[in-house]
């Protein structure tokens, strides 16, 4: 998560799920292991929060960019064809 590698994150998701499923009884962990686990989980939570914030910012950026170009949200093949036919200038 710290490396901003989407493919690596997706590949590691199954391993994380399996590892968490094996932690059915945390009381068997030593105090030091519990602290280390808590730090790792807090780090993961923080990384996921940053991903969520970046995703929200990217969505806002795309929405504003499309609005500035006077394009609707989403893809409309008829509008794209009209834009291509007009030589690339689109006036609403």
N, C-alpha and C. Protein backbone atom coordinates (compact mmCIF):
# COMPACT_ATOMS: atom_id res chain seq x y z
N UNK A 1 0.81 -1.19 0.00
CA UNK A 1 0.00 0.00 0.00
C UNK A 1 0.86 1.26 0.00
N UNK A 2 2.00 1.20 0.61
CA UNK A 2 2.85 2.38 0.71
C UNK A 2 3.50 2.73 -0.62
N UNK A 3 3.60 1.77 -1.55
CA UNK A 3 4.29 1.99 -2.81
C UNK A 3 3.37 2.49 -3.92
N UNK A 4 2.09 2.65 -3.66
CA UNK A 4 1.12 3.10 -4.67
C UNK A 4 1.13 2.19 -5.89
N UNK A 5 1.20 0.89 -5.67
CA UNK A 5 1.23 -0.11 -6.73
C UNK A 5 -0.10 -0.83 -6.73
N UNK A 6 -1.00 -0.43 -7.62
CA UNK A 6 -2.35 -0.99 -7.64
C UNK A 6 -2.32 -2.49 -7.89
N UNK A 7 -1.54 -2.94 -8.85
CA UNK A 7 -1.48 -4.37 -9.15
C UNK A 7 -0.97 -5.15 -7.95
N UNK A 8 0.03 -4.62 -7.28
CA UNK A 8 0.55 -5.29 -6.09
C UNK A 8 -0.47 -5.31 -4.96
N UNK A 9 -1.20 -4.22 -4.82
CA UNK A 9 -2.24 -4.15 -3.79
C UNK A 9 -3.34 -5.18 -4.06
N UNK A 10 -3.77 -5.25 -5.30
CA UNK A 10 -4.81 -6.21 -5.64
C UNK A 10 -4.32 -7.65 -5.48
N UNK A 11 -3.07 -7.90 -5.83
CA UNK A 11 -2.52 -9.24 -5.68
C UNK A 11 -2.38 -9.62 -4.21
N UNK A 12 -2.08 -8.64 -3.37
CA UNK A 12 -1.90 -8.91 -1.95
C UNK A 12 -3.19 -8.99 -1.16
N UNK A 13 -4.30 -8.60 -1.76
CA UNK A 13 -5.58 -8.58 -1.05
C UNK A 13 -5.97 -9.97 -0.55
N UNK A 14 -5.82 -10.97 -1.39
CA UNK A 14 -6.19 -12.33 -0.99
C UNK A 14 -5.30 -12.81 0.15
N UNK A 15 -4.02 -12.50 0.07
CA UNK A 15 -3.10 -12.91 1.15
C UNK A 15 -3.46 -12.23 2.46
N UNK A 16 -3.85 -10.95 2.39
CA UNK A 16 -4.27 -10.24 3.60
C UNK A 16 -5.53 -10.86 4.19
N UNK A 17 -6.49 -11.18 3.34
CA UNK A 17 -7.72 -11.81 3.82
C UNK A 17 -7.43 -13.14 4.49
N UNK A 18 -6.57 -13.94 3.88
CA UNK A 18 -6.22 -15.24 4.46
C UNK A 18 -5.53 -15.07 5.81
N UNK A 19 -4.61 -14.12 5.88
CA UNK A 19 -3.88 -13.91 7.13
C UNK A 19 -4.81 -13.43 8.23
N UNK A 20 -5.73 -12.53 7.91
CA UNK A 20 -6.67 -12.05 8.92
C UNK A 20 -7.64 -13.14 9.36
N UNK A 21 -8.00 -14.02 8.44
CA UNK A 21 -8.91 -15.11 8.78
C UNK A 21 -8.25 -16.07 9.78
N UNK A 22 -6.93 -16.19 9.72
CA UNK A 22 -6.22 -17.08 10.63
C UNK A 22 -6.07 -16.48 12.03
N UNK A 23 -6.32 -15.21 12.17
CA UNK A 23 -6.19 -14.54 13.47
C UNK A 23 -7.50 -14.60 14.24
N UNK A 24 -7.96 -15.78 14.48
CA UNK A 24 -9.25 -15.93 15.16
C UNK A 24 -9.15 -15.65 16.65
N UNK A 25 -8.00 -15.88 17.24
CA UNK A 25 -7.86 -15.69 18.68
C UNK A 25 -6.60 -14.86 18.95
N UNK A 26 -6.79 -13.56 19.10
CA UNK A 26 -5.66 -12.66 19.33
C UNK A 26 -5.08 -12.78 20.73
N UNK A 27 -5.79 -13.42 21.62
CA UNK A 27 -5.30 -13.52 23.00
C UNK A 27 -4.06 -14.41 23.10
N UNK A 28 -3.80 -15.21 22.07
CA UNK A 28 -2.61 -16.06 22.12
C UNK A 28 -1.35 -15.30 21.71
N UNK A 29 -1.51 -14.09 21.18
CA UNK A 29 -0.35 -13.29 20.80
C UNK A 29 0.29 -12.66 22.02
N UNK A 30 1.60 -12.50 21.95
CA UNK A 30 2.30 -11.82 23.04
C UNK A 30 1.97 -10.33 22.98
N UNK A 31 2.27 -9.62 24.04
CA UNK A 31 2.00 -8.18 24.09
C UNK A 31 2.75 -7.44 22.99
N UNK A 32 4.00 -7.83 22.75
CA UNK A 32 4.78 -7.19 21.69
C UNK A 32 4.18 -7.46 20.31
N UNK A 33 3.71 -8.70 20.11
CA UNK A 33 3.09 -9.04 18.83
C UNK A 33 1.78 -8.27 18.64
N UNK A 34 1.03 -8.08 19.71
CA UNK A 34 -0.22 -7.30 19.62
C UNK A 34 0.08 -5.86 19.25
N UNK A 35 1.12 -5.30 19.86
CA UNK A 35 1.50 -3.91 19.53
C UNK A 35 1.91 -3.81 18.07
N UNK A 36 2.71 -4.77 17.62
CA UNK A 36 3.16 -4.75 16.22
C UNK A 36 1.98 -4.89 15.27
N UNK A 37 1.06 -5.77 15.61
CA UNK A 37 -0.14 -5.96 14.78
C UNK A 37 -0.97 -4.69 14.75
N UNK A 38 -1.14 -4.05 15.90
CA UNK A 38 -1.91 -2.81 15.96
C UNK A 38 -1.27 -1.74 15.08
N UNK A 39 0.06 -1.62 15.14
CA UNK A 39 0.75 -0.63 14.31
C UNK A 39 0.57 -0.92 12.83
N UNK A 40 0.66 -2.20 12.46
CA UNK A 40 0.47 -2.58 11.06
C UNK A 40 -0.96 -2.28 10.60
N UNK A 41 -1.93 -2.59 11.43
CA UNK A 41 -3.32 -2.34 11.07
C UNK A 41 -3.62 -0.84 10.98
N UNK A 42 -3.04 -0.06 11.88
CA UNK A 42 -3.22 1.39 11.81
C UNK A 42 -2.57 1.95 10.55
N UNK A 43 -1.42 1.41 10.18
CA UNK A 43 -0.77 1.83 8.93
C UNK A 43 -1.60 1.49 7.71
N UNK A 44 -2.18 0.29 7.71
CA UNK A 44 -3.05 -0.13 6.60
C UNK A 44 -4.29 0.76 6.53
N UNK A 45 -4.88 1.05 7.68
CA UNK A 45 -6.06 1.91 7.72
C UNK A 45 -5.73 3.30 7.18
N UNK A 46 -4.58 3.81 7.55
CA UNK A 46 -4.15 5.13 7.08
C UNK A 46 -3.93 5.12 5.57
N UNK A 47 -3.31 4.07 5.06
CA UNK A 47 -3.07 3.97 3.61
C UNK A 47 -4.39 3.88 2.86
N UNK A 48 -5.34 3.12 3.38
CA UNK A 48 -6.65 3.02 2.73
C UNK A 48 -7.40 4.34 2.77
N UNK A 49 -7.25 5.08 3.86
CA UNK A 49 -7.88 6.40 3.95
C UNK A 49 -7.28 7.33 2.88
N UNK A 50 -5.95 7.28 2.70
CA UNK A 50 -5.31 8.11 1.67
C UNK A 50 -5.80 7.71 0.28
N UNK A 51 -5.94 6.40 0.04
CA UNK A 51 -6.45 5.93 -1.25
C UNK A 51 -7.85 6.46 -1.50
N UNK A 52 -8.69 6.42 -0.48
CA UNK A 52 -10.06 6.92 -0.60
C UNK A 52 -10.05 8.42 -0.91
N UNK A 53 -9.19 9.17 -0.22
CA UNK A 53 -9.12 10.61 -0.45
C UNK A 53 -8.61 10.92 -1.85
N UNK A 54 -7.60 10.17 -2.30
CA UNK A 54 -7.08 10.38 -3.65
C UNK A 54 -8.13 10.02 -4.70
N UNK A 55 -8.88 8.95 -4.46
CA UNK A 55 -9.94 8.57 -5.39
C UNK A 55 -11.02 9.64 -5.48
N UNK A 56 -11.38 10.20 -4.34
CA UNK A 56 -12.38 11.27 -4.32
C UNK A 56 -11.86 12.50 -5.06
N UNK A 57 -10.60 12.84 -4.82
CA UNK A 57 -10.01 14.00 -5.49
C UNK A 57 -9.95 13.77 -7.00
N UNK A 58 -9.60 12.56 -7.42
CA UNK A 58 -9.53 12.27 -8.85
C UNK A 58 -10.92 12.34 -9.48
N UNK A 59 -11.92 11.82 -8.79
CA UNK A 59 -13.29 11.90 -9.30
C UNK A 59 -13.72 13.36 -9.46
N UNK A 60 -13.42 14.19 -8.46
CA UNK A 60 -13.75 15.61 -8.55
C UNK A 60 -13.02 16.28 -9.70
N UNK A 61 -11.75 15.94 -9.88
CA UNK A 61 -10.96 16.52 -10.97
C UNK A 61 -11.56 16.17 -12.33
N UNK A 62 -11.90 14.90 -12.52
CA UNK A 62 -12.48 14.47 -13.79
C UNK A 62 -13.83 15.15 -14.02
N UNK A 63 -14.65 15.21 -12.98
CA UNK A 63 -15.96 15.86 -13.10
C UNK A 63 -15.80 17.32 -13.49
N UNK A 64 -14.90 18.03 -12.82
CA UNK A 64 -14.68 19.45 -13.15
C UNK A 64 -14.08 19.62 -14.53
N UNK A 65 -13.17 18.73 -14.92
CA UNK A 65 -12.58 18.81 -16.25
C UNK A 65 -13.63 18.62 -17.34
N UNK A 66 -14.51 17.66 -17.14
CA UNK A 66 -15.58 17.44 -18.11
C UNK A 66 -16.53 18.63 -18.15
N UNK A 67 -16.83 19.19 -16.99
CA UNK A 67 -17.72 20.36 -16.95
C UNK A 67 -17.07 21.55 -17.66
N UNK A 68 -15.77 21.73 -17.49
CA UNK A 68 -15.07 22.84 -18.14
C UNK A 68 -15.08 22.68 -19.66
N UNK A 69 -15.13 21.45 -20.12
CA UNK A 69 -15.18 21.18 -21.56
C UNK A 69 -16.61 21.11 -22.07
N UNK A 70 -17.55 21.35 -21.16
CA UNK A 70 -18.98 21.28 -21.48
C UNK A 70 -19.38 19.90 -21.99
N UNK A 71 -18.82 18.91 -21.36
CA UNK A 71 -19.15 17.53 -21.68
C UNK A 71 -19.91 16.94 -20.51
N UNK A 72 -20.83 16.06 -20.82
CA UNK A 72 -21.62 15.40 -19.77
C UNK A 72 -20.75 14.38 -19.06
N UNK A 73 -21.15 14.06 -17.83
CA UNK A 73 -20.50 12.97 -17.12
C UNK A 73 -20.72 11.70 -17.91
N UNK A 74 -19.72 10.88 -17.98
CA UNK A 74 -19.86 9.60 -18.65
C UNK A 74 -19.54 9.70 -20.13
N UNK A 75 -19.72 8.61 -20.79
CA UNK A 75 -19.39 8.51 -22.21
C UNK A 75 -20.67 8.41 -23.03
N UNK A 76 -20.78 9.23 -24.03
CA UNK A 76 -21.92 9.21 -24.93
C UNK A 76 -21.37 9.09 -26.35
N UNK A 77 -21.52 7.92 -26.99
CA UNK A 77 -20.94 7.71 -28.32
C UNK A 77 -21.41 8.73 -29.36
N UNK A 78 -22.66 9.19 -29.27
CA UNK A 78 -23.15 10.16 -30.25
C UNK A 78 -22.43 11.50 -30.10
N UNK A 79 -22.18 11.92 -28.86
CA UNK A 79 -21.46 13.18 -28.66
C UNK A 79 -20.01 13.04 -29.12
N UNK A 80 -19.41 11.88 -28.85
CA UNK A 80 -18.02 11.65 -29.27
C UNK A 80 -17.92 11.68 -30.79
N UNK A 81 -18.89 11.06 -31.49
CA UNK A 81 -18.88 11.07 -32.95
C UNK A 81 -19.07 12.49 -33.48
N UNK A 82 -19.95 13.27 -32.85
CA UNK A 82 -20.16 14.65 -33.27
C UNK A 82 -18.92 15.49 -33.06
N UNK A 83 -18.22 15.24 -31.96
CA UNK A 83 -17.00 15.97 -31.69
C UNK A 83 -15.95 15.63 -32.74
N UNK A 84 -15.81 14.36 -33.09
CA UNK A 84 -14.85 13.96 -34.11
C UNK A 84 -15.20 14.58 -35.47
N UNK A 85 -16.47 14.61 -35.80
CA UNK A 85 -16.92 15.15 -37.09
C UNK A 85 -16.71 16.66 -37.16
N UNK A 86 -16.70 17.32 -36.01
CA UNK A 86 -16.55 18.77 -36.01
C UNK A 86 -15.09 19.21 -36.05
N UNK A 87 -14.19 18.27 -36.12
CA UNK A 87 -12.77 18.61 -36.17
C UNK A 87 -12.19 18.87 -34.79
N UNK A 88 -12.89 18.47 -33.76
CA UNK A 88 -12.34 18.57 -32.42
C UNK A 88 -12.82 19.77 -31.62
N UNK A 89 -13.60 20.65 -32.23
CA UNK A 89 -14.12 21.77 -31.44
C UNK A 89 -15.58 21.52 -31.15
N UNK A 90 -15.94 21.62 -29.94
CA UNK A 90 -17.32 21.34 -29.51
C UNK A 90 -17.88 22.58 -28.86
N UNK A 91 -18.96 23.05 -29.38
CA UNK A 91 -19.62 24.20 -28.77
C UNK A 91 -21.04 23.81 -28.42
N UNK A 92 -21.38 24.00 -27.16
CA UNK A 92 -22.73 23.63 -26.71
C UNK A 92 -23.70 24.75 -27.01
